[in-house]
């Protein structure tokens, strides 16, 4: 019997109350229990704000909600 991998941090899914946790897939990518990509609710990600800074490979990206409610990701 193989040892279980430790659980990753919380994953927020739309329509589900409270966070759920998942473990990384064999290929190293984070997957949900159903095998799909990890999903985050934008309101949870932005924590009530209108903008978040995401870091990817040392580069900053801004995810923001426009005045019309659309999402924009800029470098």
Foldseek 3Di string as FASTA:
>chain_A
DDDDDDWDDFADDPPDPDTDIFHADPVRATADPVRHHGDHDVCVVCVNDFWDWDADPNDTWIWGADPVGDIDIGD
